[in-house]
Amino acid sequence: MKVLLTGATGLIGQKLTELLLEKGHQVNFLTTSVNKIKDEPHLKGYFWNLKYGKIDDSCFNDVDAIIHLAGASIAKRWTQHYKKEILNSRVASTQLLYKGLNKKTNHIKHIIAASGTAIYPDDDQNIYYEGSTEKATGFLSDVVQKWEENVDVFSKNQIIVSKIRTGVVYAKQGGALPEILKPIKNGLGAHFGDGNQQQSWIHIDDLTQLYYFVLTHHLSGVYHAVAPEVVSNKVQNNTIAQILNKRIWLPNIPKWFMKLILGDMHELLFNNKNISSEKIQKAGFQFRFPTIHAALVDILK
């Protein structure tokens, strides 16, 4: 199978590229940097530029499926300018892909797009399933909804559409976890708010395997990329501290203080959602790291 990958140089994209090549597939990838373009037997890079709406449509040659991960990091301060970048990097890239593939004959059968659990409102009394219709009000939820709306357009071309709503990704190399670890490692760990907000998370190895599972099983629709065990902020921090032989002893950090420091981005720390992984498990996917302790031991060992 030949797969076109966006966001291939990011945290998840790099791991997914490794997995696809390991499984014997060919990978085309899109990059905004000419210096990152490669031309190897099973790995080829192609240039695109969202600002000017340019894409090398050779990237679609003989491609069977697209895995669309591209999008600006949400782990930076959300200035008004950067909010536009977060949104445009997702919506404009999706639109450019669709425009590009319509310019030439192709036999693309499937698109799998990253998405987020931020679409759901905070509610620790409710379990969210893929069919849940509740939508949050706020910046990130708006981004996710517009992102998914643009991905859905691919179905007009009889292309299978899959959307992977992802929780917090645990990885050693990047993402949120290294930032969570820093204060705890230095003996300065503390819980956010009351520490009881529910967090849905996933080990990066399970996430890449989940994408591969959706790809090879031709699954369509929305799937949650979250581990079966949902934990509180307090349990997450205490588990990290236990593994590192550290203590959480500082007083809890109030929400108003983090809003003062981080602005709107503070909401990432206070998300309170219980997201179900039942649908992907019923489809036959098995998590290697179903519990937070197993995941963190693997990453921190």
C-alpha atoms as a PDB file:
ATOM      1  CA  MET A   1       0.000   0.000   0.000  1.00  0.00           C
ATOM      2  CA  LYS A   2       1.170   3.547  -0.685  1.00  0.00           C
ATOM      3  CA  VAL A   3       0.208   6.172   1.899  1.00  0.00           C
ATOM      4  CA  LEU A   4       0.389   9.964   1.626  1.00  0.00           C
ATOM      5  CA  LEU A   5       1.210  11.450   5.021  1.00  0.00           C
ATOM      6  CA  THR A   6       0.951  15.050   6.186  1.00  0.00           C
ATOM      7  CA  GLY A   7       2.607  16.134   9.411  1.00  0.00           C
ATOM      8  CA  ALA A   8       5.219  13.435   8.831  1.00  0.00           C
ATOM      9  CA  THR A   9       7.995  15.348  10.590  1.00  0.00           C
ATOM     10  CA  GLY A  10       5.948  15.895  13.752  1.00  0.00           C
ATOM     11  CA  LEU A  11       5.939  13.747  16.880  1.00  0.00           C
ATOM     12  CA  ILE A  12       3.194  11.374  15.737  1.00  0.00           C
ATOM     13  CA  GLY A  13       4.091  11.549  12.055  1.00  0.00           C
ATOM     14  CA  GLN A  14       7.654  10.370  12.618  1.00  0.00           C
ATOM     15  CA  LYS A  15       6.516   7.338  14.613  1.00  0.00           C
ATOM     16  CA  LEU A  16       3.807   6.524  12.092  1.00  0.00           C
ATOM     17  CA  THR A  17       6.257   6.783   9.192  1.00  0.00           C
ATOM     18  CA  GLU A  18       8.548   4.311  10.954  1.00  0.00           C
ATOM     19  CA  LEU A  19       5.649   1.905  11.490  1.00  0.00           C
ATOM     20  CA  LEU A  20       4.417   2.088   7.886  1.00  0.00           C
ATOM     21  CA  LEU A  21       7.903   1.477   6.487  1.00  0.00           C
ATOM     22  CA  GLU A  22       8.473  -1.351   8.969  1.00  0.00           C
ATOM     23  CA  LYS A  23       5.248  -2.979   7.730  1.00  0.00           C
ATOM     24  CA  GLY A  24       6.483  -2.807   4.137  1.00  0.00           C
ATOM     25  CA  HIS A  25       4.384   0.103   2.866  1.00  0.00           C
ATOM     26  CA  GLN A  26       5.497   3.032   0.728  1.00  0.00           C
ATOM     27  CA  VAL A  27       5.182   6.540   2.143  1.00  0.00           C
ATOM     28  CA  ASN A  28       4.829   9.837   0.325  1.00  0.00           C
ATOM     29  CA  PHE A  29       4.902  12.832   2.630  1.00  0.00           C
ATOM     30  CA  LEU A  30       4.206  16.538   2.285  1.00  0.00           C
ATOM     31  CA  THR A  31       6.483  19.135   3.834  1.00  0.00           C
ATOM     32  CA  THR A  32       6.671  22.916   3.907  1.00  0.00           C
ATOM     33  CA  SER A  33      10.483  22.746   4.007  1.00  0.00           C
ATOM     34  CA  VAL A  34      12.437  21.916   0.848  1.00  0.00           C
ATOM     35  CA  ASN A  35      15.324  20.815   3.079  1.00  0.00           C
ATOM     36  CA  LYS A  36      13.230  17.931   4.432  1.00  0.00           C
ATOM     37  CA  ILE A  37      12.333  16.495   1.023  1.00  0.00           C
ATOM     38  CA  LYS A  38      13.660  12.962   0.521  1.00  0.00           C
ATOM     39  CA  ASP A  39      13.763  10.661  -2.476  1.00  0.00           C
ATOM     40  CA  GLU A  40      14.310   7.135  -1.238  1.00  0.00           C
ATOM     41  CA  PRO A  41      12.901   3.862  -2.625  1.00  0.00           C
ATOM     42  CA  HIS A  42       9.994   3.716  -0.145  1.00  0.00           C
ATOM     43  CA  LEU A  43       9.983   7.257   1.250  1.00  0.00           C
ATOM     44  CA  LYS A  44       9.468  10.322  -0.930  1.00  0.00           C
ATOM     45  CA  GLY A  45       8.883  13.921   0.090  1.00  0.00           C
ATOM     46  CA  TYR A  46       6.882  16.554  -1.769  1.00  0.00           C
ATOM     47  CA  PHE A  47       6.582  20.301  -1.224  1.00  0.00           C
ATOM     48  CA  TRP A  48       3.456  22.210  -0.327  1.00  0.00           C
ATOM     49  CA  ASN A  49       2.824  25.791   0.786  1.00  0.00           C
ATOM     50  CA  LEU A  50      -0.426  26.618   2.542  1.00  0.00           C
ATOM     51  CA  LYS A  51       0.041  30.378   2.367  1.00  0.00           C
ATOM     52  CA  TYR A  52       0.181  30.359  -1.422  1.00  0.00           C
ATOM     53  CA  GLY A  53      -2.066  27.331  -1.926  1.00  0.00           C
ATOM     54  CA  LYS A  54       0.617  25.312  -3.694  1.00  0.00           C
ATOM     55  CA  ILE A  55       0.980  21.536  -3.655  1.00  0.00           C
ATOM     56  CA  ASP A  56       3.103  19.206  -5.758  1.00  0.00           C
ATOM     57  CA  ASP A  57       0.325  17.013  -7.107  1.00  0.00           C
ATOM     58  CA  SER A  58       2.854  14.280  -7.909  1.00  0.00           C
ATOM     59  CA  CYS A  59       2.402  13.385  -4.237  1.00  0.00           C
ATOM     60  CA  PHE A  60      -0.882  11.673  -5.160  1.00  0.00           C
ATOM     61  CA  ASN A  61       0.681   9.301  -7.711  1.00  0.00           C
ATOM     62  CA  ASP A  62      -0.384   5.696  -6.989  1.00  0.00           C
ATOM     63  CA  VAL A  63      -1.488   6.633  -3.461  1.00  0.00           C
ATOM     64  CA  ASP A  64      -4.120   4.396  -1.848  1.00  0.00           C
ATOM     65  CA  ALA A  65      -4.771   6.350   1.347  1.00  0.00           C
ATOM     66  CA  ILE A  66      -4.059   9.685   3.023  1.00  0.00           C
ATOM     67  CA  ILE A  67      -3.224  10.089   6.705  1.00  0.00           C
ATOM     68  CA  HIS A  68      -3.653  13.762   7.522  1.00  0.00           C
ATOM     69  CA  LEU A  69      -1.879  14.874  10.711  1.00  0.00           C
ATOM     70  CA  ALA A  70      -0.761  18.391   9.761  1.00  0.00           C
ATOM     71  CA  GLY A  71      -1.600  21.235  12.125  1.00  0.00           C
ATOM     72  CA  ALA A  72       0.171  23.877  14.201  1.00  0.00           C
ATOM     73  CA  SER A  73       0.911  22.890  17.797  1.00  0.00           C
ATOM     74  CA  ILE A  74      -1.690  23.907  20.373  1.00  0.00           C
ATOM     75  CA  ALA A  75       1.000  23.905  23.088  1.00  0.00           C
ATOM     76  CA  LYS A  76       1.984  27.539  22.498  1.00  0.00           C
ATOM     77  CA  ARG A  77       0.442  30.713  23.886  1.00  0.00           C
ATOM     78  CA  TRP A  78      -2.801  31.428  22.051  1.00  0.00           C
ATOM     79  CA  THR A  79      -2.398  34.982  20.834  1.00  0.00           C
ATOM     80  CA  GLN A  80      -5.045  36.124  18.355  1.00  0.00           C
ATOM     81  CA  HIS A  81      -2.482  35.700  15.581  1.00  0.00           C
ATOM     82  CA  TYR A  82      -1.558  32.190  16.698  1.00  0.00           C
ATOM     83  CA  LYS A  83      -5.202  31.165  17.038  1.00  0.00           C
ATOM     84  CA  LYS A  84      -5.581  31.935  13.334  1.00  0.00           C
ATOM     85  CA  GLU A  85      -2.543  29.765  12.608  1.00  0.00           C
ATOM     86  CA  ILE A  86      -3.941  26.853  14.650  1.00  0.00           C
ATOM     87  CA  LEU A  87      -7.195  27.009  12.683  1.00  0.00           C
ATOM     88  CA  ASN A  88      -5.795  27.761   9.223  1.00  0.00           C
ATOM     89  CA  SER A  89      -3.075  25.112   9.417  1.00  0.00           C
ATOM     90  CA  ARG A  90      -5.803  22.494   9.797  1.00  0.00           C
ATOM     91  CA  VAL A  91      -8.583  23.839   7.601  1.00  0.00           C
ATOM     92  CA  ALA A  92      -6.426  25.260   4.790  1.00  0.00           C
ATOM     93  CA  SER A  93      -4.268  22.133   4.613  1.00  0.00           C
ATOM     94  CA  THR A  94      -7.370  19.933   4.346  1.00  0.00           C
ATOM     95  CA  GLN A  95      -8.841  22.139   1.630  1.00  0.00           C
ATOM     96  CA  LEU A  96      -5.545  22.152  -0.276  1.00  0.00           C
ATOM     97  CA  LEU A  97      -5.387  18.356  -0.182  1.00  0.00           C
ATOM     98  CA  TYR A  98      -8.903  18.098  -1.565  1.00  0.00           C
ATOM     99  CA  LYS A  99      -8.239  20.685  -4.258  1.00  0.00           C
ATOM    100  CA  GLY A 100      -4.988  18.953  -5.225  1.00  0.00           C
ATOM    101  CA  LEU A 101      -6.386  15.452  -5.566  1.00  0.00           C
ATOM    102  CA  ASN A 102      -9.221  16.748  -7.751  1.00  0.00           C
ATOM    103  CA  LYS A 103      -6.743  18.146 -10.261  1.00  0.00           C
ATOM    104  CA  LYS A 104      -5.617  14.747 -11.461  1.00  0.00           C
ATOM    105  CA  THR A 105      -6.768  11.173 -11.778  1.00  0.00           C
ATOM    106  CA  ASN A 106      -6.137   9.192  -8.597  1.00  0.00           C
ATOM    107  CA  HIS A 107      -7.304   6.025  -6.895  1.00  0.00           C
ATOM    108  CA  ILE A 108      -7.327   7.230  -3.290  1.00  0.00           C
ATOM    109  CA  LYS A 109      -9.804   5.154  -1.321  1.00  0.00           C
ATOM    110  CA  HIS A 110      -9.399   6.372   2.264  1.00  0.00           C
ATOM    111  CA  ILE A 111      -8.489   9.472   4.275  1.00  0.00           C
ATOM    112  CA  ILE A 112      -7.731   9.221   7.987  1.00  0.00           C
ATOM    113  CA  ALA A 113      -7.552  12.608   9.679  1.00  0.00           C
ATOM    114  CA  ALA A 114      -6.397  13.632  13.122  1.00  0.00           C
ATOM    115  CA  SER A 115      -8.979  15.353  15.281  1.00  0.00           C
ATOM    116  CA  GLY A 116      -9.457  16.155  18.944  1.00  0.00           C
ATOM    117  CA  THR A 117     -11.567  15.356  21.981  1.00  0.00           C
ATOM    118  CA  ALA A 118     -11.811  19.114  22.599  1.00  0.00           C
ATOM    119  CA  ILE A 119     -15.009  18.965  20.557  1.00  0.00           C
ATOM    120  CA  TYR A 120     -16.848  17.755  23.694  1.00  0.00           C
ATOM    121  CA  PRO A 121     -17.823  20.007  26.618  1.00  0.00           C
ATOM    122  CA  ASP A 122     -16.358  19.489  30.076  1.00  0.00           C
ATOM    123  CA  ASP A 123     -18.536  17.051  32.027  1.00  0.00           C
ATOM    124  CA  ASP A 124     -17.085  14.386  34.297  1.00  0.00           C
ATOM    125  CA  GLN A 125     -20.560  12.969  34.987  1.00  0.00           C
ATOM    126  CA  ASN A 126     -21.054  11.946  31.374  1.00  0.00           C
ATOM    127  CA  ILE A 127     -19.179   9.408  29.232  1.00  0.00           C
ATOM    128  CA  TYR A 128     -18.632  10.574  25.676  1.00  0.00           C
ATOM    129  CA  TYR A 129     -18.985   8.102  22.838  1.00  0.00           C
ATOM    130  CA  GLU A 130     -18.371   8.718  19.148  1.00  0.00           C
ATOM    131  CA  GLY A 131     -22.085   9.228  18.622  1.00  0.00           C
ATOM    132  CA  SER A 132     -22.363  11.875  21.347  1.00  0.00           C
ATOM    133  CA  THR A 133     -23.851  15.049  19.902  1.00  0.00           C
ATOM    134  CA  GLU A 134     -22.864  17.486  22.657  1.00  0.00           C
ATOM    135  CA  LYS A 135     -20.461  20.176  21.441  1.00  0.00           C
ATOM    136  CA  ALA A 136     -18.364  22.498  23.555  1.00  0.00           C
ATOM    137  CA  THR A 137     -18.363  26.242  23.037  1.00  0.00           C
ATOM    138  CA  GLY A 138     -14.899  27.697  22.767  1.00  0.00           C
ATOM    139  CA  PHE A 139     -11.919  28.085  20.502  1.00  0.00           C
ATOM    140  CA  LEU A 140     -10.618  24.510  20.337  1.00  0.00           C
ATOM    141  CA  SER A 141     -14.040  22.984  19.851  1.00  0.00           C
ATOM    142  CA  ASP A 142     -14.666  25.391  16.969  1.00  0.00           C
ATOM    143  CA  VAL A 143     -11.338  24.366  15.429  1.00  0.00           C
ATOM    144  CA  VAL A 144     -12.178  20.664  15.669  1.00  0.00           C
ATOM    145  CA  GLN A 145     -15.645  21.125  14.186  1.00  0.00           C
ATOM    146  CA  LYS A 146     -14.391  23.153  11.208  1.00  0.00           C
ATOM    147  CA  TRP A 147     -11.520  20.691  10.723  1.00  0.00           C
ATOM    148  CA  GLU A 148     -13.870  17.709  10.613  1.00  0.00           C
ATOM    149  CA  GLU A 149     -16.352  19.483   8.328  1.00  0.00           C
ATOM    150  CA  ASN A 150     -13.600  19.970   5.754  1.00  0.00           C
ATOM    151  CA  VAL A 151     -12.463  16.353   6.024  1.00  0.00           C
ATOM    152  CA  ASP A 152     -16.028  15.151   5.453  1.00  0.00           C
ATOM    153  CA  VAL A 153     -15.957  16.758   1.992  1.00  0.00           C
ATOM    154  CA  PHE A 154     -13.711  13.912   0.780  1.00  0.00           C
ATOM    155  CA  SER A 155     -16.700  11.570   0.939  1.00  0.00           C
ATOM    156  CA  LYS A 156     -18.043  13.338  -2.177  1.00  0.00           C
ATOM    157  CA  ASN A 157     -15.289  11.496  -4.068  1.00  0.00           C
ATOM    158  CA  GLN A 158     -16.394   8.111  -2.692  1.00  0.00           C
ATOM    159  CA  ILE A 159     -13.415   8.183  -0.334  1.00  0.00           C
ATOM    160  CA  ILE A 160     -13.753   6.501   3.081  1.00  0.00           C
ATOM    161  CA  VAL A 161     -13.441   9.184   5.772  1.00  0.00           C
ATOM    162  CA  SER A 162     -12.084   8.405   9.254  1.00  0.00           C
ATOM    163  CA  LYS A 163     -11.612  10.978  12.016  1.00  0.00           C
ATOM    164  CA  ILE A 164      -9.407  10.146  15.005  1.00  0.00           C
ATOM    165  CA  ARG A 165     -10.373  12.224  18.037  1.00  0.00           C
ATOM    166  CA  THR A 166      -7.251  12.072  20.157  1.00  0.00           C
ATOM    167  CA  GLY A 167      -6.657  12.671  23.852  1.00  0.00           C
ATOM    168  CA  VAL A 168      -3.407  13.730  25.532  1.00  0.00           C
ATOM    169  CA  VAL A 169      -0.538  11.867  23.843  1.00  0.00           C
ATOM    170  CA  TYR A 170       2.110  10.458  26.171  1.00  0.00           C
ATOM    171  CA  ALA A 171       5.548  10.276  24.555  1.00  0.00           C
ATOM    172  CA  LYS A 172       9.110  10.620  25.747  1.00  0.00           C
ATOM    173  CA  GLN A 173      10.220  12.663  22.743  1.00  0.00           C
ATOM    174  CA  GLY A 174       7.701  15.506  22.871  1.00  0.00           C
ATOM    175  CA  GLY A 175       4.112  16.568  23.331  1.00  0.00           C
ATOM    176  CA  ALA A 176       2.660  17.396  26.736  1.00  0.00           C
ATOM    177  CA  LEU A 177       4.412  14.805  28.911  1.00  0.00           C
ATOM    178  CA  PRO A 178       7.933  16.320  29.071  1.00  0.00           C
ATOM    179  CA  GLU A 179       6.375  19.587  30.297  1.00  0.00           C
ATOM    180  CA  ILE A 180       4.285  17.720  32.878  1.00  0.00           C
ATOM    181  CA  LEU A 181       7.408  15.884  34.071  1.00  0.00           C
ATOM    182  CA  LYS A 182       9.674  18.913  34.598  1.00  0.00           C
ATOM    183  CA  PRO A 183       8.225  20.304  37.834  1.00  0.00           C
ATOM    184  CA  ILE A 184       7.682  16.839  39.327  1.00  0.00           C
ATOM    185  CA  LYS A 185      11.270  15.804  38.547  1.00  0.00           C
ATOM    186  CA  ASN A 186      12.471  18.994  40.242  1.00  0.00           C
ATOM    187  CA  GLY A 187      10.352  18.402  43.336  1.00  0.00           C
ATOM    188  CA  LEU A 188       7.931  21.190  42.416  1.00  0.00           C
ATOM    189  CA  GLY A 189       4.927  19.167  41.281  1.00  0.00           C
ATOM    190  CA  ALA A 190       1.390  20.314  42.030  1.00  0.00           C
ATOM    191  CA  HIS A 191      -2.129  19.471  40.899  1.00  0.00           C
ATOM    192  CA  PHE A 192      -4.194  21.888  38.811  1.00  0.00           C
ATOM    193  CA  GLY A 193      -7.408  23.135  40.377  1.00  0.00           C
ATOM    194  CA  ASP A 194      -8.848  20.460  42.653  1.00  0.00           C
ATOM    195  CA  GLY A 195      -6.978  17.799  40.659  1.00  0.00           C
ATOM    196  CA  ASN A 196     -10.165  15.848  40.004  1.00  0.00           C
ATOM    197  CA  GLN A 197     -10.639  16.791  36.346  1.00  0.00           C
ATOM    198  CA  GLN A 198     -10.835  13.667  34.173  1.00  0.00           C
ATOM    199  CA  GLN A 199      -8.147  13.254  31.517  1.00  0.00           C
ATOM    200  CA  SER A 200      -8.262  10.968  28.508  1.00  0.00           C
ATOM    201  CA  TRP A 201      -4.811  10.025  27.256  1.00  0.00           C
ATOM    202  CA  ILE A 202      -3.000   7.546  25.003  1.00  0.00           C
ATOM    203  CA  HIS A 203       0.534   6.145  24.696  1.00  0.00           C
ATOM    204  CA  ILE A 204       2.096   7.200  21.398  1.00  0.00           C
ATOM    205  CA  ASP A 205       2.781   3.586  20.401  1.00  0.00           C
ATOM    206  CA  ASP A 206      -0.894   2.726  20.842  1.00  0.00           C
ATOM    207  CA  LEU A 207      -1.834   5.821  18.855  1.00  0.00           C
ATOM    208  CA  THR A 208       0.300   4.904  15.846  1.00  0.00           C
ATOM    209  CA  GLN A 209      -0.944   1.319  15.992  1.00  0.00           C
ATOM    210  CA  LEU A 210      -4.514   2.617  16.132  1.00  0.00           C
ATOM    211  CA  TYR A 211      -3.994   4.657  12.958  1.00  0.00           C
ATOM    212  CA  TYR A 212      -2.544   1.568  11.300  1.00  0.00           C
ATOM    213  CA  PHE A 213      -5.492  -0.526  12.474  1.00  0.00           C
ATOM    214  CA  VAL A 214      -8.013   1.939  11.034  1.00  0.00           C
ATOM    215  CA  LEU A 215      -6.036   2.026   7.779  1.00  0.00           C
ATOM    216  CA  THR A 216      -5.708  -1.724   7.279  1.00  0.00           C
ATOM    217  CA  HIS A 217      -9.261  -2.511   8.423  1.00  0.00           C
ATOM    218  CA  HIS A 218     -10.756   0.257   6.231  1.00  0.00           C
ATOM    219  CA  LEU A 219     -12.759   1.668   9.138  1.00  0.00           C
ATOM    220  CA  SER A 220     -14.906   4.728   8.512  1.00  0.00           C
ATOM    221  CA  GLY A 221     -16.354   7.370  10.792  1.00  0.00           C
ATOM    222  CA  VAL A 222     -15.214   8.807  14.113  1.00  0.00           C
ATOM    223  CA  TYR A 223     -12.965   6.878  16.503  1.00  0.00           C
ATOM    224  CA  HIS A 224     -11.596   7.928  19.869  1.00  0.00           C
ATOM    225  CA  ALA A 225      -7.853   7.536  20.320  1.00  0.00           C
ATOM    226  CA  VAL A 226      -7.827   7.292  24.110  1.00  0.00           C
ATOM    227  CA  ALA A 227      -6.780   4.518  26.474  1.00  0.00           C
ATOM    228  CA  PRO A 228      -9.496   2.528  28.296  1.00  0.00           C
ATOM    229  CA  GLU A 229      -8.462   3.952  31.670  1.00  0.00           C
ATOM    230  CA  VAL A 230      -9.501   7.568  32.196  1.00  0.00           C
ATOM    231  CA  VAL A 231      -7.703   9.188  35.138  1.00  0.00           C
ATOM    232  CA  SER A 232      -7.811  12.428  37.097  1.00  0.00           C
ATOM    233  CA  ASN A 233      -5.068  15.033  36.983  1.00  0.00           C
ATOM    234  CA  LYS A 234      -4.264  14.023  40.554  1.00  0.00           C
ATOM    235  CA  VAL A 235      -3.862  10.330  39.668  1.00  0.00           C
ATOM    236  CA  GLN A 236      -1.680  11.203  36.674  1.00  0.00           C
ATOM    237  CA  ASN A 237       0.654  13.366  38.746  1.00  0.00           C
ATOM    238  CA  ASN A 238       0.798  10.934  41.665  1.00  0.00           C
ATOM    239  CA  THR A 239       1.597   8.052  39.289  1.00  0.00           C
ATOM    240  CA  ILE A 240       4.457  10.026  37.747  1.00  0.00           C
ATOM    241  CA  ALA A 241       5.749  10.982  41.188  1.00  0.00           C
ATOM    242  CA  GLN A 242       5.618   7.365  42.380  1.00  0.00           C
ATOM    243  CA  ILE A 243       7.568   6.088  39.363  1.00  0.00           C
ATOM    244  CA  LEU A 244      10.168   8.859  39.748  1.00  0.00           C
ATOM    245  CA  ASN A 245      10.332   8.472  43.550  1.00  0.00           C
ATOM    246  CA  LYS A 246       9.217  12.072  44.031  1.00  0.00           C
ATOM    247  CA  ARG A 247       6.533  13.723  46.156  1.00  0.00           C
ATOM    248  CA  ILE A 248       3.671  16.038  45.232  1.00  0.00           C
ATOM    249  CA  TRP A 249       3.712  18.434  48.154  1.00  0.00           C
ATOM    250  CA  LEU A 250       3.017  21.931  46.856  1.00  0.00           C
ATOM    251  CA  PRO A 251      -0.513  23.370  47.169  1.00  0.00           C
ATOM    252  CA  ASN A 252      -2.842  22.996  44.210  1.00  0.00           C
ATOM    253  CA  ILE A 253      -2.560  25.661  41.510  1.00  0.00           C
ATOM    254  CA  PRO A 254      -5.811  27.590  41.016  1.00  0.00           C
ATOM    255  CA  LYS A 255      -7.358  28.015  37.584  1.00  0.00           C
ATOM    256  CA  TRP A 256      -7.284  31.831  37.719  1.00  0.00           C
ATOM    257  CA  PHE A 257      -3.526  31.793  38.221  1.00  0.00           C
ATOM    258  CA  MET A 258      -2.863  29.571  35.199  1.00  0.00           C
ATOM    259  CA  LYS A 259      -5.180  31.752  33.100  1.00  0.00           C
ATOM    260  CA  LEU A 260      -3.095  34.750  34.131  1.00  0.00           C
ATOM    261  CA  ILE A 261       0.102  32.953  33.080  1.00  0.00           C
ATOM    262  CA  LEU A 262      -1.069  31.139  29.936  1.00  0.00           C
ATOM    263  CA  GLY A 263      -4.120  33.065  28.752  1.00  0.00           C
ATOM    264  CA  ASP A 264      -6.763  31.019  26.935  1.00  0.00           C
ATOM    265  CA  MET A 265      -4.343  28.101  26.600  1.00  0.00           C
ATOM    266  CA  HIS A 266      -4.855  27.357  30.301  1.00  0.00           C
ATOM    267  CA  GLU A 267      -8.009  25.414  29.391  1.00  0.00           C
ATOM    268  CA  LEU A 268      -5.789  22.540  28.210  1.00  0.00           C
ATOM    269  CA  LEU A 269      -4.808  21.956  31.839  1.00  0.00           C
ATOM    270  CA  PHE A 270      -8.371  21.942  33.140  1.00  0.00           C
ATOM    271  CA  ASN A 271     -10.142  19.815  30.518  1.00  0.00           C
ATOM    272  CA  ASN A 272     -12.588  17.547  32.327  1.00  0.00           C
ATOM    273  CA  LYS A 273     -13.900  14.836  30.022  1.00  0.00           C
ATOM    274  CA  ASN A 274     -14.491  11.090  30.248  1.00  0.00           C
ATOM    275  CA  ILE A 275     -13.964   9.734  26.721  1.00  0.00           C
ATOM    276  CA  SER A 276     -14.816   6.123  25.842  1.00  0.00           C
ATOM    277  CA  SER A 277     -12.486   3.830  23.861  1.00  0.00           C
ATOM    278  CA  GLU A 278     -15.193   1.174  23.510  1.00  0.00           C
ATOM    279  CA  LYS A 279     -15.855   1.580  19.766  1.00  0.00           C
ATOM    280  CA  ILE A 280     -12.288   0.936  18.591  1.00  0.00           C
ATOM    281  CA  GLN A 281     -11.964  -1.978  21.031  1.00  0.00           C
ATOM    282  CA  LYS A 282     -15.171  -3.546  19.725  1.00  0.00           C
ATOM    283  CA  ALA A 283     -13.680  -3.253  16.226  1.00  0.00           C
ATOM    284  CA  GLY A 284     -10.863  -5.521  17.440  1.00  0.00           C
ATOM    285  CA  PHE A 285      -8.118  -3.094  18.446  1.00  0.00           C
ATOM    286  CA  GLN A 286      -6.091  -4.100  21.500  1.00  0.00           C
ATOM    287  CA  PHE A 287      -4.232  -1.535  23.576  1.00  0.00           C
ATOM    288  CA  ARG A 288      -0.701  -2.426  24.575  1.00  0.00           C
ATOM    289  CA  PHE A 289      -0.855   0.200  27.336  1.00  0.00           C
ATOM    290  CA  PRO A 290      -4.439   0.240  28.681  1.00  0.00           C
ATOM    291  CA  THR A 291      -3.498   1.720  32.084  1.00  0.00           C
ATOM    292  CA  ILE A 292      -1.655   4.904  32.940  1.00  0.00           C
ATOM    293  CA  HIS A 293       0.809   3.052  35.165  1.00  0.00           C
ATOM    294  CA  ALA A 294       1.824   0.682  32.357  1.00  0.00           C
ATOM    295  CA  ALA A 295       2.162   3.575  29.904  1.00  0.00           C
ATOM    296  CA  LEU A 296       4.255   5.768  32.183  1.00  0.00           C
ATOM    297  CA  VAL A 297       6.504   2.933  33.345  1.00  0.00           C
ATOM    298  CA  ASP A 298       7.276   2.190  29.694  1.00  0.00           C
ATOM    299  CA  ILE A 299       8.032   5.827  28.886  1.00  0.00           C
ATOM    300  CA  LEU A 300       9.928   6.706  32.058  1.00  0.00           C
ATOM    301  CA  LYS A 301      11.908   3.505  32.525  1.00  0.00           C
END
